[in-house]
PDB file of all heavy atoms in Angstrom:
ATOM      1  N   GLU A   1       0.840  -1.209   0.000  1.00  0.00           N
ATOM      2  CA  GLU A   1       0.000   0.000   0.000  1.00  0.00           C
ATOM      3  C   GLU A   1       0.870   1.252   0.000  1.00  0.00           C
ATOM      4  O   GLU A   1       0.588   2.218  -0.707  1.00  0.00           O
ATOM      5  CB  GLU A   1      -0.925  -0.009   1.222  1.00  0.00           C
ATOM      6  CG  GLU A   1      -2.032  -1.034   1.180  1.00  0.00           C
ATOM      7  CD  GLU A   1      -3.154  -0.636   0.227  1.00  0.00           C
ATOM      8  OE1 GLU A   1      -3.292   0.562  -0.053  1.00  0.00           O
ATOM      9  OE2 GLU A   1      -3.872  -1.536  -0.247  1.00  0.00           O
ATOM     10  N   GLU A   2       1.928   1.231   0.790  1.00  0.00           N
ATOM     11  CA  GLU A   2       2.815   2.397   0.868  1.00  0.00           C
ATOM     12  C   GLU A   2       3.536   2.628  -0.453  1.00  0.00           C
ATOM     13  O   GLU A   2       3.720   3.775  -0.887  1.00  0.00           O
ATOM     14  CB  GLU A   2       3.839   2.199   1.994  1.00  0.00           C
ATOM     15  CG  GLU A   2       3.261   2.198   3.403  1.00  0.00           C
ATOM     16  CD  GLU A   2       2.564   0.892   3.749  1.00  0.00           C
ATOM     17  OE1 GLU A   2       2.732  -0.112   2.988  1.00  0.00           O
ATOM     18  OE2 GLU A   2       1.847   0.846   4.760  1.00  0.00           O
ATOM     19  N   GLU A   3       3.932   1.533  -1.102  1.00  0.00           N
ATOM     20  CA  GLU A   3       4.633   1.665  -2.377  1.00  0.00           C
ATOM     21  C   GLU A   3       3.693   2.151  -3.480  1.00  0.00           C
ATOM     22  O   GLU A   3       4.117   2.888  -4.375  1.00  0.00           O
ATOM     23  CB  GLU A   3       5.260   0.323  -2.753  1.00  0.00           C
ATOM     24  CG  GLU A   3       6.464  -0.042  -1.893  1.00  0.00           C
ATOM     25  CD  GLU A   3       6.931  -1.466  -2.138  1.00  0.00           C
ATOM     26  OE1 GLU A   3       6.104  -2.314  -2.548  1.00  0.00           O
ATOM     27  OE2 GLU A   3       8.131  -1.725  -1.915  1.00  0.00           O
ATOM     28  N   GLU A   4       2.426   1.762  -3.418  1.00  0.00           N
ATOM     29  CA  GLU A   4       1.450   2.270  -4.385  1.00  0.00           C
ATOM     30  C   GLU A   4       1.288   3.770  -4.246  1.00  0.00           C
ATOM     31  O   GLU A   4       1.218   4.498  -5.246  1.00  0.00           O
ATOM     32  CB  GLU A   4       0.115   1.566  -4.182  1.00  0.00           C
ATOM     33  CG  GLU A   4       0.104   0.114  -4.627  1.00  0.00           C
ATOM     34  CD  GLU A   4      -1.174  -0.605  -4.263  1.00  0.00           C
ATOM     35  OE1 GLU A   4      -2.017  -0.014  -3.540  1.00  0.00           O
ATOM     36  OE2 GLU A   4      -1.348  -1.758  -4.674  1.00  0.00           O
ATOM     37  N   LEU A   5       1.229   4.247  -3.008  1.00  0.00           N
ATOM     38  CA  LEU A   5       1.107   5.686  -2.777  1.00  0.00           C
ATOM     39  C   LEU A   5       2.341   6.416  -3.284  1.00  0.00           C
ATOM     40  O   LEU A   5       2.239   7.478  -3.913  1.00  0.00           O
ATOM     41  CB  LEU A   5       0.902   5.954  -1.281  1.00  0.00           C
ATOM     42  CG  LEU A   5       0.707   7.420  -0.879  1.00  0.00           C
ATOM     43  CD1 LEU A   5      -0.524   8.002  -1.551  1.00  0.00           C
ATOM     44  CD2 LEU A   5       0.586   7.545   0.636  1.00  0.00           C
ATOM     45  N   GLU A   6       3.519   5.837  -3.035  1.00  0.00           N
ATOM     46  CA  GLU A   6       4.757   6.448  -3.508  1.00  0.00           C
ATOM     47  C   GLU A   6       4.805   6.473  -5.025  1.00  0.00           C
ATOM     48  O   GLU A   6       5.257   7.449  -5.641  1.00  0.00           O
ATOM     49  CB  GLU A   6       5.948   5.663  -2.948  1.00  0.00           C
ATOM     50  CG  GLU A   6       7.291   6.377  -3.098  1.00  0.00           C
ATOM     51  CD  GLU A   6       7.925   6.188  -4.481  1.00  0.00           C
ATOM     52  OE1 GLU A   6       7.642   5.162  -5.141  1.00  0.00           O
ATOM     53  OE2 GLU A   6       8.681   7.071  -4.915  1.00  0.00           O
ATOM     54  N   LEU A   7       4.299   5.409  -5.639  1.00  0.00           N
ATOM     55  CA  LEU A   7       4.259   5.334  -7.106  1.00  0.00           C
ATOM     56  C   LEU A   7       3.465   6.486  -7.688  1.00  0.00           C
ATOM     57  O   LEU A   7       3.928   7.177  -8.602  1.00  0.00           O
ATOM     58  CB  LEU A   7       3.652   3.990  -7.521  1.00  0.00           C
ATOM     59  CG  LEU A   7       3.255   3.845  -8.995  1.00  0.00           C
ATOM     60  CD1 LEU A   7       4.494   3.816  -9.879  1.00  0.00           C
ATOM     61  CD2 LEU A   7       2.425   2.580  -9.209  1.00  0.00           C
ATOM     62  N   PHE A   8       2.254   6.694  -7.181  1.00  0.00           N
ATOM     63  CA  PHE A   8       1.392   7.731  -7.747  1.00  0.00           C
ATOM     64  C   PHE A   8       1.833   9.134  -7.339  1.00  0.00           C
ATOM     65  O   PHE A   8       1.544  10.098  -8.050  1.00  0.00           O
ATOM     66  CB  PHE A   8      -0.059   7.483  -7.334  1.00  0.00           C
ATOM     67  CG  PHE A   8      -0.747   6.451  -8.181  1.00  0.00           C
ATOM     68  CD1 PHE A   8      -0.692   5.125  -7.847  1.00  0.00           C
ATOM     69  CD2 PHE A   8      -1.420   6.817  -9.336  1.00  0.00           C
ATOM     70  CE1 PHE A   8      -1.304   4.159  -8.636  1.00  0.00           C
ATOM     71  CE2 PHE A   8      -2.029   5.876 -10.142  1.00  0.00           C
ATOM     72  CZ  PHE A   8      -1.975   4.531  -9.786  1.00  0.00           C
ATOM     73  N   THR A   9       2.537   9.240  -6.219  1.00  0.00           N
ATOM     74  CA  THR A   9       2.983  10.556  -5.763  1.00  0.00           C
ATOM     75  C   THR A   9       4.217  11.033  -6.520  1.00  0.00           C
ATOM     76  O   THR A   9       4.314  12.209  -6.886  1.00  0.00           O
ATOM     77  CB  THR A   9       3.290  10.524  -4.255  1.00  0.00           C
ATOM     78  OG1 THR A   9       2.118  10.112  -3.539  1.00  0.00           O
ATOM     79  CG2 THR A   9       3.728  11.891  -3.755  1.00  0.00           C
ATOM     80  N   ASN A  10       5.136  10.108  -6.789  1.00  0.00           N
ATOM     81  CA  ASN A  10       6.441  10.528  -7.293  1.00  0.00           C
ATOM     82  C   ASN A  10       6.829  10.005  -8.672  1.00  0.00           C
ATOM     83  O   ASN A  10       7.680  10.607  -9.339  1.00  0.00           O
ATOM     84  CB  ASN A  10       7.542  10.111  -6.299  1.00  0.00           C
ATOM     85  CG  ASN A  10       7.355  10.743  -4.932  1.00  0.00           C
ATOM     86  OD1 ASN A  10       7.047  11.925  -4.839  1.00  0.00           O
ATOM     87  ND2 ASN A  10       7.532   9.961  -3.881  1.00  0.00           N
ATOM     88  N   ARG A  11       6.228   8.908  -9.115  1.00  0.00           N
ATOM     89  CA  ARG A  11       6.738   8.267 -10.324  1.00  0.00           C
ATOM     90  C   ARG A  11       5.726   8.148 -11.465  1.00  0.00           C
ATOM     91  O   ARG A  11       6.103   8.005 -12.622  1.00  0.00           O
ATOM     92  CB  ARG A  11       7.251   6.862  -9.980  1.00  0.00           C
ATOM     93  CG  ARG A  11       8.426   6.854  -9.018  1.00  0.00           C
ATOM     94  CD  ARG A  11       8.723   5.438  -8.538  1.00  0.00           C
ATOM     95  NE  ARG A  11       8.729   4.499  -9.652  1.00  0.00           N
ATOM     96  CZ  ARG A  11       8.352   3.224  -9.564  1.00  0.00           C
ATOM     97  NH1 ARG A  11       7.922   2.746  -8.417  1.00  0.00           N
ATOM     98  NH2 ARG A  11       8.397   2.442 -10.617  1.00  0.00           N
ATOM     99  N   PHE A  12       4.462   8.187 -11.130  1.00  0.00           N
ATOM    100  CA  PHE A  12       3.446   7.908 -12.144  1.00  0.00           C
ATOM    101  C   PHE A  12       3.479   8.922 -13.288  1.00  0.00           C
ATOM    102  O   PHE A  12       3.302   8.562 -14.455  1.00  0.00           O
ATOM    103  CB  PHE A  12       2.054   7.894 -11.508  1.00  0.00           C
ATOM    104  CG  PHE A  12       0.965   7.550 -12.481  1.00  0.00           C
ATOM    105  CD1 PHE A  12       0.735   6.233 -12.857  1.00  0.00           C
ATOM    106  CD2 PHE A  12       0.162   8.538 -13.035  1.00  0.00           C
ATOM    107  CE1 PHE A  12      -0.257   5.907 -13.766  1.00  0.00           C
ATOM    108  CE2 PHE A  12      -0.829   8.221 -13.950  1.00  0.00           C
ATOM    109  CZ  PHE A  12      -1.042   6.906 -14.307  1.00  0.00           C
ATOM    110  N   GLN A  13       3.703  10.172 -12.966  1.00  0.00           N
ATOM    111  CA  GLN A  13       3.710  11.217 -14.001  1.00  0.00           C
ATOM    112  C   GLN A  13       4.773  10.928 -15.057  1.00  0.00           C
ATOM    113  O   GLN A  13       4.515  11.048 -16.261  1.00  0.00           O
ATOM    114  CB  GLN A  13       3.954  12.576 -13.366  1.00  0.00           C
ATOM    115  CG  GLN A  13       4.031  13.718 -14.366  1.00  0.00           C
ATOM    116  CD  GLN A  13       4.080  15.078 -13.699  1.00  0.00           C
ATOM    117  OE1 GLN A  13       3.126  15.504 -13.049  1.00  0.00           O
ATOM    118  NE2 GLN A  13       5.210  15.751 -13.838  1.00  0.00           N
ATOM    119  N   ASP A  14       5.964  10.530 -14.626  1.00  0.00           N
ATOM    120  CA  ASP A  14       7.037  10.237 -15.574  1.00  0.00           C
ATOM    121  C   ASP A  14       6.695   9.019 -16.429  1.00  0.00           C
ATOM    122  O   ASP A  14       7.021   8.978 -17.623  1.00  0.00           O
ATOM    123  CB  ASP A  14       8.353  10.004 -14.827  1.00  0.00           C
ATOM    124  CG  ASP A  14       8.910  11.281 -14.222  1.00  0.00           C
ATOM    125  OD1 ASP A  14       8.557  12.369 -14.715  1.00  0.00           O
ATOM    126  OD2 ASP A  14       9.683  11.189 -13.259  1.00  0.00           O
ATOM    127  N   GLU A  15       6.058   8.015 -15.817  1.00  0.00           N
ATOM    128  CA  GLU A  15       5.682   6.823 -16.579  1.00  0.00           C
ATOM    129  C   GLU A  15       4.621   7.163 -17.633  1.00  0.00           C
ATOM    130  O   GLU A  15       4.652   6.643 -18.753  1.00  0.00           O
ATOM    131  CB  GLU A  15       5.167   5.727 -15.646  1.00  0.00           C
ATOM    132  CG  GLU A  15       6.258   5.080 -14.818  1.00  0.00           C
ATOM    133  CD  GLU A  15       5.861   3.699 -14.327  1.00  0.00           C
ATOM    134  OE1 GLU A  15       5.186   2.966 -15.065  1.00  0.00           O
ATOM    135  OE2 GLU A  15       6.238   3.361 -13.184  1.00  0.00           O
ATOM    136  N   LEU A  16       3.691   8.035 -17.266  1.00  0.00           N
ATOM    137  CA  LEU A  16       2.665   8.436 -18.230  1.00  0.00           C
ATOM    138  C   LEU A  16       3.278   9.233 -19.371  1.00  0.00           C
ATOM    139  O   LEU A  16       2.902   9.063 -20.542  1.00  0.00           O
ATOM    140  CB  LEU A  16       1.580   9.255 -17.531  1.00  0.00           C
ATOM    141  CG  LEU A  16       0.411   9.721 -18.409  1.00  0.00           C
ATOM    142  CD1 LEU A  16      -0.255   8.539 -19.107  1.00  0.00           C
ATOM    143  CD2 LEU A  16      -0.604  10.502 -17.574  1.00  0.00           C
ATOM    144  N   LYS A  17       4.231  10.087 -19.060  1.00  0.00           N
ATOM    145  CA  LYS A  17       4.915  10.850 -20.104  1.00  0.00           C
ATOM    146  C   LYS A  17       5.644   9.917 -21.064  1.00  0.00           C
ATOM    147  O   LYS A  17       5.632  10.124 -22.286  1.00  0.00           O
ATOM    148  CB  LYS A  17       5.909  11.839 -19.472  1.00  0.00           C
ATOM    149  CG  LYS A  17       5.258  13.045 -18.808  1.00  0.00           C
ATOM    150  CD  LYS A  17       6.328  13.966 -18.247  1.00  0.00           C
ATOM    151  CE  LYS A  17       5.726  15.215 -17.621  1.00  0.00           C
ATOM    152  NZ  LYS A  17       6.777  16.098 -17.054  1.00  0.00           N
ATOM    153  N   ALA A  18       6.294   8.873 -20.517  1.00  0.00           N
ATOM    154  CA  ALA A  18       7.010   7.917 -21.359  1.00  0.00           C
ATOM    155  C   ALA A  18       6.037   7.157 -22.263  1.00  0.00           C
ATOM    156  O   ALA A  18       6.313   6.927 -23.444  1.00  0.00           O
ATOM    157  CB  ALA A  18       7.801   6.940 -20.489  1.00  0.00           C
ATOM    158  N   ALA A  19       4.876   6.784 -21.712  1.00  0.00           N
ATOM    159  CA  ALA A  19       3.862   6.088 -22.508  1.00  0.00           C
ATOM    160  C   ALA A  19       3.315   7.000 -23.600  1.00  0.00           C
ATOM    161  O   ALA A  19       3.012   6.544 -24.704  1.00  0.00           O
ATOM    162  CB  ALA A  19       2.732   5.597 -21.606  1.00  0.00           C
ATOM    163  N   ALA A  20       3.183   8.286 -23.291  1.00  0.00           N
ATOM    164  CA  ALA A  20       2.698   9.250 -24.281  1.00  0.00           C
ATOM    165  C   ALA A  20       3.664   9.360 -25.454  1.00  0.00           C
ATOM    166  O   ALA A  20       3.253   9.437 -26.614  1.00  0.00           O
ATOM    167  CB  ALA A  20       2.496  10.611 -23.626  1.00  0.00           C
ATOM    168  N   ILE A  21       4.958   9.350 -25.164  1.00  0.00           N
ATOM    169  CA  ILE A  21       5.959   9.421 -26.223  1.00  0.00           C
ATOM    170  C   ILE A  21       5.846   8.199 -27.131  1.00  0.00           C
ATOM    171  O   ILE A  21       5.936   8.305 -28.359  1.00  0.00           O
ATOM    172  CB  ILE A  21       7.379   9.517 -25.619  1.00  0.00           C
ATOM    173  CG1 ILE A  21       7.555  10.874 -24.911  1.00  0.00           C
ATOM    174  CG2 ILE A  21       8.437   9.327 -26.698  1.00  0.00           C
ATOM    175  CD1 ILE A  21       8.861  10.997 -24.151  1.00  0.00           C
ATOM    176  N   GLU A  22       5.624   7.036 -26.530  1.00  0.00           N
ATOM    177  CA  GLU A  22       5.486   5.796 -27.307  1.00  0.00           C
ATOM    178  C   GLU A  22       4.311   5.885 -28.291  1.00  0.00           C
ATOM    179  O   GLU A  22       4.363   5.344 -29.390  1.00  0.00           O
ATOM    180  CB  GLU A  22       5.293   4.610 -26.371  1.00  0.00           C
ATOM    181  CG  GLU A  22       6.528   4.190 -25.606  1.00  0.00           C
ATOM    182  CD  GLU A  22       7.570   3.545 -26.489  1.00  0.00           C
ATOM    183  OE1 GLU A  22       7.193   2.846 -27.457  1.00  0.00           O
ATOM    184  OE2 GLU A  22       8.781   3.763 -26.231  1.00  0.00           O
ATOM    185  N   LYS A  23       3.260   6.545 -27.887  1.00  0.00           N
ATOM    186  CA  LYS A  23       2.064   6.664 -28.727  1.00  0.00           C
ATOM    187  C   LYS A  23       2.041   7.946 -29.545  1.00  0.00           C
ATOM    188  O   LYS A  23       1.026   8.276 -30.162  1.00  0.00           O
ATOM    189  CB  LYS A  23       0.802   6.570 -27.853  1.00  0.00           C
ATOM    190  CG  LYS A  23       0.582   5.186 -27.257  1.00  0.00           C
ATOM    191  CD  LYS A  23      -0.743   5.095 -26.536  1.00  0.00           C
ATOM    192  CE  LYS A  23      -0.985   3.703 -25.990  1.00  0.00           C
ATOM    193  NZ  LYS A  23      -1.168   2.701 -27.066  1.00  0.00           N
ATOM    194  N   GLU A  24       3.149   8.692 -29.505  1.00  0.00           N
ATOM    195  CA  GLU A  24       3.254   9.977 -30.224  1.00  0.00           C
ATOM    196  C   GLU A  24       2.130  10.921 -29.792  1.00  0.00           C
ATOM    197  O   GLU A  24       1.510  11.610 -30.607  1.00  0.00           O
ATOM    198  CB  GLU A  24       3.228   9.750 -31.739  1.00  0.00           C
ATOM    199  CG  GLU A  24       4.397   8.909 -32.233  1.00  0.00           C
ATOM    200  CD  GLU A  24       4.408   8.746 -33.744  1.00  0.00           C
ATOM    201  OE1 GLU A  24       3.426   9.147 -34.389  1.00  0.00           O
ATOM    202  OE2 GLU A  24       5.401   8.231 -34.277  1.00  0.00           O
ATOM    203  N   LEU A  25       1.894  10.940 -28.489  1.00  0.00           N
ATOM    204  CA  LEU A  25       0.866  11.796 -27.896  1.00  0.00           C
ATOM    205  C   LEU A  25       1.526  13.013 -27.265  1.00  0.00           C
ATOM    206  O   LEU A  25       2.508  12.889 -26.522  1.00  0.00           O
ATOM    207  CB  LEU A  25       0.095  11.003 -26.825  1.00  0.00           C
ATOM    208  CG  LEU A  25      -0.882  11.784 -25.949  1.00  0.00           C
ATOM    209  CD1 LEU A  25      -2.146  12.120 -26.749  1.00  0.00           C
ATOM    210  CD2 LEU A  25      -1.257  10.973 -24.704  1.00  0.00           C
ATOM    211  N   THR A  26       1.013  14.181 -27.564  1.00  0.00           N
ATOM    212  CA  THR A  26       1.550  15.400 -26.952  1.00  0.00           C
ATOM    213  C   THR A  26       1.007  15.550 -25.538  1.00  0.00           C
ATOM    214  O   THR A  26      -0.195  15.511 -25.307  1.00  0.00           O
ATOM    215  CB  THR A  26       1.168  16.641 -27.773  1.00  0.00           C
ATOM    216  OG1 THR A  26      -0.260  16.679 -27.948  1.00  0.00           O
ATOM    217  CG2 THR A  26       1.831  16.605 -29.135  1.00  0.00           C
ATOM    218  N   LEU A  27       1.914  15.700 -24.581  1.00  0.00           N
ATOM    219  CA  LEU A  27       1.544  15.797 -23.168  1.00  0.00           C
ATOM    220  C   LEU A  27       2.461  16.817 -22.511  1.00  0.00           C
ATOM    221  O   LEU A  27       3.684  16.676 -22.545  1.00  0.00           O
ATOM    222  CB  LEU A  27       1.684  14.428 -22.497  1.00  0.00           C
ATOM    223  CG  LEU A  27       1.160  14.274 -21.073  1.00  0.00           C
ATOM    224  CD1 LEU A  27      -0.358  14.443 -21.038  1.00  0.00           C
ATOM    225  CD2 LEU A  27       1.529  12.908 -20.513  1.00  0.00           C
ATOM    226  N   PHE A  28       1.861  17.851 -21.915  1.00  0.00           N
ATOM    227  CA  PHE A  28       2.644  18.925 -21.321  1.00  0.00           C
ATOM    228  C   PHE A  28       2.236  19.122 -19.865  1.00  0.00           C
ATOM    229  O   PHE A  28       1.088  18.893 -19.493  1.00  0.00           O
ATOM    230  CB  PHE A  28       2.428  20.241 -22.085  1.00  0.00           C
ATOM    231  CG  PHE A  28       2.690  20.139 -23.554  1.00  0.00           C
ATOM    232  CD1 PHE A  28       1.637  19.978 -24.455  1.00  0.00           C
ATOM    233  CD2 PHE A  28       3.980  20.189 -24.046  1.00  0.00           C
ATOM    234  CE1 PHE A  28       1.874  19.879 -25.815  1.00  0.00           C
ATOM    235  CE2 PHE A  28       4.223  20.094 -25.416  1.00  0.00           C
ATOM    236  CZ  PHE A  28       3.170  19.939 -26.291  1.00  0.00           C
ATOM    237  N   GLU A  29       3.205  19.550 -19.068  1.00  0.00           N
ATOM    238  CA  GLU A  29       2.940  19.840 -17.660  1.00  0.00           C
ATOM    239  C   GLU A  29       2.775  21.338 -17.481  1.00  0.00           C
ATOM    240  O   GLU A  29       3.563  22.136 -18.002  1.00  0.00           O
ATOM    241  CB  GLU A  29       4.088  19.329 -16.798  1.00  0.00           C
ATOM    242  CG  GLU A  29       3.872  19.523 -15.305  1.00  0.00           C
ATOM    243  CD  GLU A  29       5.022  18.998 -14.470  1.00  0.00           C
ATOM    244  OE1 GLU A  29       5.988  18.463 -15.064  1.00  0.00           O
ATOM    245  OE2 GLU A  29       4.967  19.135 -13.233  1.00  0.00           O
ATOM    246  N   ARG A  30       1.739  21.722 -16.726  1.00  0.00           N
ATOM    247  CA  ARG A  30       1.492  23.145 -16.501  1.00  0.00           C
ATOM    248  C   ARG A  30       0.743  23.317 -15.192  1.00  0.00           C
ATOM    249  O   ARG A  30      -0.319  22.718 -14.984  1.00  0.00           O
ATOM    250  CB  ARG A  30       0.661  23.735 -17.647  1.00  0.00           C
ATOM    251  CG  ARG A  30       0.533  25.253 -17.617  1.00  0.00           C
ATOM    252  CD  ARG A  30       1.808  25.919 -18.078  1.00  0.00           C
ATOM    253  NE  ARG A  30       1.687  27.361 -18.156  1.00  0.00           N
ATOM    254  CZ  ARG A  30       2.670  28.161 -18.531  1.00  0.00           C
ATOM    255  NH1 ARG A  30       3.839  27.649 -18.874  1.00  0.00           N
ATOM    256  NH2 ARG A  30       2.499  29.467 -18.573  1.00  0.00           N
ATOM    257  N   ASP A  31       1.298  24.097 -14.283  1.00  0.00           N
ATOM    258  CA  ASP A  31       0.632  24.435 -13.023  1.00  0.00           C
ATOM    259  C   ASP A  31       0.177  23.197 -12.255  1.00  0.00           C
ATOM    260  O   ASP A  31      -0.924  23.143 -11.703  1.00  0.00           O
ATOM    261  CB  ASP A  31      -0.567  25.360 -13.274  1.00  0.00           C
ATOM    262  CG  ASP A  31      -0.158  26.709 -13.833  1.00  0.00           C
ATOM    263  OD1 ASP A  31       0.989  27.130 -13.572  1.00  0.00           O
ATOM    264  OD2 ASP A  31      -0.962  27.336 -14.543  1.00  0.00           O
ATOM    265  N   GLY A  32       1.021  22.163 -12.238  1.00  0.00           N
ATOM    266  CA  GLY A  32       0.724  20.988 -11.448  1.00  0.00           C
ATOM    267  C   GLY A  32      -0.214  19.988 -12.083  1.00  0.00           C
ATOM    268  O   GLY A  32      -0.595  18.997 -11.435  1.00  0.00           O
ATOM    269  N   VAL A  33      -0.606  20.216 -13.336  1.00  0.00           N
ATOM    270  CA  VAL A  33      -1.468  19.258 -14.042  1.00  0.00           C
ATOM    271  C   VAL A  33      -0.800  18.892 -15.360  1.00  0.00           C
ATOM    272  O   VAL A  33       0.120  19.563 -15.824  1.00  0.00           O
ATOM    273  CB  VAL A  33      -2.880  19.824 -14.301  1.00  0.00           C
ATOM    274  CG1 VAL A  33      -3.562  20.188 -12.990  1.00  0.00           C
ATOM    275  CG2 VAL A  33      -2.831  21.032 -15.233  1.00  0.00           C
ATOM    276  N   LEU A  34      -1.281  17.816 -15.966  1.00  0.00           N
ATOM    277  CA  LEU A  34      -0.802  17.396 -17.275  1.00  0.00           C
ATOM    278  C   LEU A  34      -1.860  17.745 -18.308  1.00  0.00           C
ATOM    279  O   LEU A  34      -3.043  17.489 -18.093  1.00  0.00           O
ATOM    280  CB  LEU A  34      -0.520  15.893 -17.279  1.00  0.00           C
ATOM    281  CG  LEU A  34       0.612  15.435 -16.356  1.00  0.00           C
ATOM    282  CD1 LEU A  34       0.660  13.913 -16.290  1.00  0.00           C
ATOM    283  CD2 LEU A  34       1.951  15.985 -16.822  1.00  0.00           C
ATOM    284  N   ILE A  35      -1.421  18.298 -19.413  1.00  0.00           N
ATOM    285  CA  ILE A  35      -2.351  18.740 -20.444  1.00  0.00           C
ATOM    286  C   ILE A  35      -2.060  17.990 -21.735  1.00  0.00           C
ATOM    287  O   ILE A  35      -0.943  18.018 -22.250  1.00  0.00           O
ATOM    288  CB  ILE A  35      -2.244  20.256 -20.684  1.00  0.00           C
ATOM    289  CG1 ILE A  35      -2.612  21.023 -19.404  1.00  0.00           C
ATOM    290  CG2 ILE A  35      -3.145  20.684 -21.835  1.00  0.00           C
ATOM    291  CD1 ILE A  35      -2.389  22.519 -19.488  1.00  0.00           C
TER     292      ILE A  35
END
């Protein structure tokens, strides 16, 4: 449970960005959200 929380708090954003690159999806960070 603790590792799941750490995943979504610190690492999930980078993993989503990497997945977006794989799909040639434009994804930008702005004011604490992803657009």
